[in-house]
C-alpha atoms as a PDB file:
ATOM      1  CA  MET A   1    -244.037   6.174 -27.404  1.00  0.00           C
ATOM      2  CA  LYS A   2    -241.009   5.980 -25.169  1.00  0.00           C
ATOM      3  CA  ILE A   3    -239.491   9.168 -23.753  1.00  0.00           C
ATOM      4  CA  SER A   4    -236.002   9.116 -22.340  1.00  0.00           C
ATOM      5  CA  ASN A   5    -233.774  11.807 -21.008  1.00  0.00           C
ATOM      6  CA  ASN A   6    -230.482  10.194 -22.031  1.00  0.00           C
ATOM      7  CA  ASN A   7    -230.101  12.327 -25.160  1.00  0.00           C
ATOM      8  CA  ILE A   8    -230.941  15.519 -23.298  1.00  0.00           C
ATOM      9  CA  ILE A   9    -228.367  14.946 -20.581  1.00  0.00           C
ATOM     10  CA  LYS A  10    -225.747  13.917 -23.134  1.00  0.00           C
ATOM     11  CA  ASN A  11    -226.304  17.053 -25.242  1.00  0.00           C
ATOM     12  CA  TYR A  12    -226.117  19.419 -22.258  1.00  0.00           C
ATOM     13  CA  THR A  13    -222.980  17.851 -20.865  1.00  0.00           C
ATOM     14  CA  GLU A  14    -221.219  18.273 -24.223  1.00  0.00           C
ATOM     15  CA  LEU A  15    -221.828  22.030 -24.296  1.00  0.00           C
ATOM     16  CA  ARG A  16    -218.922  24.193 -23.200  1.00  0.00           C
ATOM     17  CA  LEU A  17    -219.467  27.254 -21.064  1.00  0.00           C
ATOM     18  CA  HIS A  18    -218.503  30.464 -22.842  1.00  0.00           C
ATOM     19  CA  THR A  19    -217.649  33.280 -20.475  1.00  0.00           C
ATOM     20  CA  LYS A  20    -215.217  36.157 -20.618  1.00  0.00           C
ATOM     21  CA  GLU A  21    -212.770  34.218 -18.439  1.00  0.00           C
ATOM     22  CA  ASN A  22    -212.586  31.044 -20.510  1.00  0.00           C
ATOM     23  CA  PHE A  23    -213.560  32.281 -23.954  1.00  0.00           C
ATOM     24  CA  SER A  24    -211.534  30.516 -26.618  1.00  0.00           C
ATOM     25  CA  PRO A  25    -211.410  32.218 -30.029  1.00  0.00           C
ATOM     26  CA  SER A  26    -209.991  29.047 -31.600  1.00  0.00           C
ATOM     27  CA  VAL A  27    -213.339  27.227 -31.843  1.00  0.00           C
ATOM     28  CA  THR A  28    -213.412  24.912 -34.797  1.00  0.00           C
ATOM     29  CA  SER A  29    -216.312  24.980 -37.215  1.00  0.00           C
ATOM     30  CA  SER A  30    -217.635  21.649 -35.917  1.00  0.00           C
ATOM     31  CA  GLU A  31    -217.934  23.129 -32.381  1.00  0.00           C
ATOM     32  CA  LYS A  32    -219.914  26.242 -33.344  1.00  0.00           C
ATOM     33  CA  HIS A  33    -223.128  26.636 -31.409  1.00  0.00           C
ATOM     34  CA  SER A  34    -226.041  28.958 -31.856  1.00  0.00           C
ATOM     35  CA  PHE A  35    -226.671  31.120 -28.797  1.00  0.00           C
ATOM     36  CA  ASP A  36    -229.386  33.647 -28.032  1.00  0.00           C
ATOM     37  CA  ALA A  37    -228.378  37.229 -27.454  1.00  0.00           C
ATOM     38  CA  VAL A  38    -229.993  39.832 -25.225  1.00  0.00           C
ATOM     39  CA  ILE A  39    -229.548  43.442 -26.288  1.00  0.00           C
ATOM     40  CA  ILE A  40    -230.689  46.129 -23.872  1.00  0.00           C
ATOM     41  CA  GLN A  41    -231.110  49.608 -25.303  1.00  0.00           C
ATOM     42  CA  SER A  42    -232.762  52.754 -24.088  1.00  0.00           C
ATOM     43  CA  ASN A  43    -235.380  54.508 -26.110  1.00  0.00           C
ATOM     44  CA  PRO A  44    -233.860  57.825 -27.305  1.00  0.00           C
ATOM     45  CA  ARG A  45    -237.187  59.566 -26.721  1.00  0.00           C
ATOM     46  CA  GLN A  46    -237.216  58.500 -23.075  1.00  0.00           C
ATOM     47  CA  ILE A  47    -233.669  59.765 -22.615  1.00  0.00           C
ATOM     48  CA  GLU A  48    -234.598  63.085 -24.235  1.00  0.00           C
ATOM     49  CA  GLU A  49    -237.693  63.456 -22.038  1.00  0.00           C
ATOM     50  CA  HIS A  50    -235.681  62.609 -18.925  1.00  0.00           C
ATOM     51  CA  THR A  51    -232.963  65.153 -19.699  1.00  0.00           C
ATOM     52  CA  PHE A  52    -235.594  67.791 -20.565  1.00  0.00           C
ATOM     53  CA  ALA A  53    -237.407  67.159 -17.279  1.00  0.00           C
ATOM     54  CA  LYS A  54    -234.128  67.476 -15.369  1.00  0.00           C
ATOM     55  CA  ALA A  55    -233.272  70.743 -17.148  1.00  0.00           C
ATOM     56  CA  VAL A  56    -236.704  72.251 -16.415  1.00  0.00           C
ATOM     57  CA  SER A  57    -236.501  71.096 -12.811  1.00  0.00           C
ATOM     58  CA  ARG A  58    -233.064  72.646 -12.408  1.00  0.00           C
ATOM     59  CA  GLN A  59    -234.200  75.926 -13.987  1.00  0.00           C
ATOM     60  CA  LEU A  60    -237.323  76.167 -11.813  1.00  0.00           C
ATOM     61  CA  SER A  61    -235.336  75.371  -8.704  1.00  0.00           C
ATOM     62  CA  ALA A  62    -232.892  78.166  -9.535  1.00  0.00           C
ATOM     63  CA  GLU A  63    -235.725  80.642 -10.163  1.00  0.00           C
ATOM     64  CA  VAL A  64    -237.538  79.766  -6.946  1.00  0.00           C
ATOM     65  CA  SER A  65    -234.417  79.967  -4.817  1.00  0.00           C
ATOM     66  CA  SER A  66    -233.307  83.314  -6.258  1.00  0.00           C
ATOM     67  CA  ILE A  67    -233.943  86.220  -3.922  1.00  0.00           C
ATOM     68  CA  ALA A  68    -235.840  89.251  -5.190  1.00  0.00           C
ATOM     69  CA  SER A  69    -234.171  92.597  -4.760  1.00  0.00           C
ATOM     70  CA  ALA A  70    -235.232  94.813  -1.868  1.00  0.00           C
ATOM     71  CA  GLU A  71    -236.263  97.491  -4.389  1.00  0.00           C
ATOM     72  CA  LYS A  72    -238.648  95.143  -6.208  1.00  0.00           C
ATOM     73  CA  ILE A  73    -240.173  93.938  -2.929  1.00  0.00           C
ATOM     74  CA  GLY A  74    -240.622  97.561  -1.816  1.00  0.00           C
ATOM     75  CA  GLN A  75    -242.413  98.444  -5.077  1.00  0.00           C
ATOM     76  CA  LEU A  76    -244.759  95.465  -4.718  1.00  0.00           C
ATOM     77  CA  GLN A  77    -245.543  96.336  -1.088  1.00  0.00           C
ATOM     78  CA  LYS A  78    -246.301  99.909  -2.094  1.00  0.00           C
ATOM     79  CA  GLN A  79    -248.606  98.822  -4.958  1.00  0.00           C
ATOM     80  CA  ILE A  80    -250.454  96.384  -2.696  1.00  0.00           C
ATOM     81  CA  SER A  81    -250.911  98.934   0.083  1.00  0.00           C
ATOM     82  CA  GLU A  82    -252.220 101.502  -2.444  1.00  0.00           C
ATOM     83  CA  GLN A  83    -254.403  98.781  -4.037  1.00  0.00           C
ATOM     84  CA  THR A  84    -252.935  99.486  -7.471  1.00  0.00           C
ATOM     85  CA  TYR A  85    -251.325  96.059  -7.927  1.00  0.00           C
ATOM     86  CA  VAL A  86    -252.812  94.184 -10.910  1.00  0.00           C
ATOM     87  CA  VAL A  87    -252.221  90.477 -11.449  1.00  0.00           C
ATOM     88  CA  ASP A  88    -251.084  89.689 -14.994  1.00  0.00           C
ATOM     89  CA  ALA A  89    -253.165  86.611 -15.868  1.00  0.00           C
ATOM     90  CA  HIS A  90    -251.055  85.834 -18.953  1.00  0.00           C
ATOM     91  CA  ALA A  91    -247.837  85.874 -16.931  1.00  0.00           C
ATOM     92  CA  VAL A  92    -249.349  83.569 -14.317  1.00  0.00           C
ATOM     93  CA  ALA A  93    -250.661  81.152 -16.968  1.00  0.00           C
ATOM     94  CA  SER A  94    -247.346  81.090 -18.837  1.00  0.00           C
ATOM     95  CA  ARG A  95    -245.456  80.330 -15.620  1.00  0.00           C
ATOM     96  CA  MET A  96    -247.921  77.553 -14.793  1.00  0.00           C
ATOM     97  CA  LEU A  97    -247.477  76.063 -18.269  1.00  0.00           C
ATOM     98  CA  LEU A  98    -243.686  76.466 -18.018  1.00  0.00           C
ATOM     99  CA  VAL A  99    -243.553  78.671 -21.099  1.00  0.00           C
END
């Protein structure tokens, strides 16, 4: 069996480069070539999760940076000093679970 590269080189040199700059729409039917195509798409679920995560992050950042009123802080200090402050376990759990 004899292997030569003459046909390979000949076939590659006959191919024309198709780019946006030199694309010619007047290709005759004898010059049509079959090319591979690469299609890059995002998964809609990943986009949705990313936007949801950004929204939650933005909301939490706004809540954390908001300043409590002096009245509310005074009430909490008074309850703590009188030892009447009770931690609401459901409120803490819901905040931890971002509900």
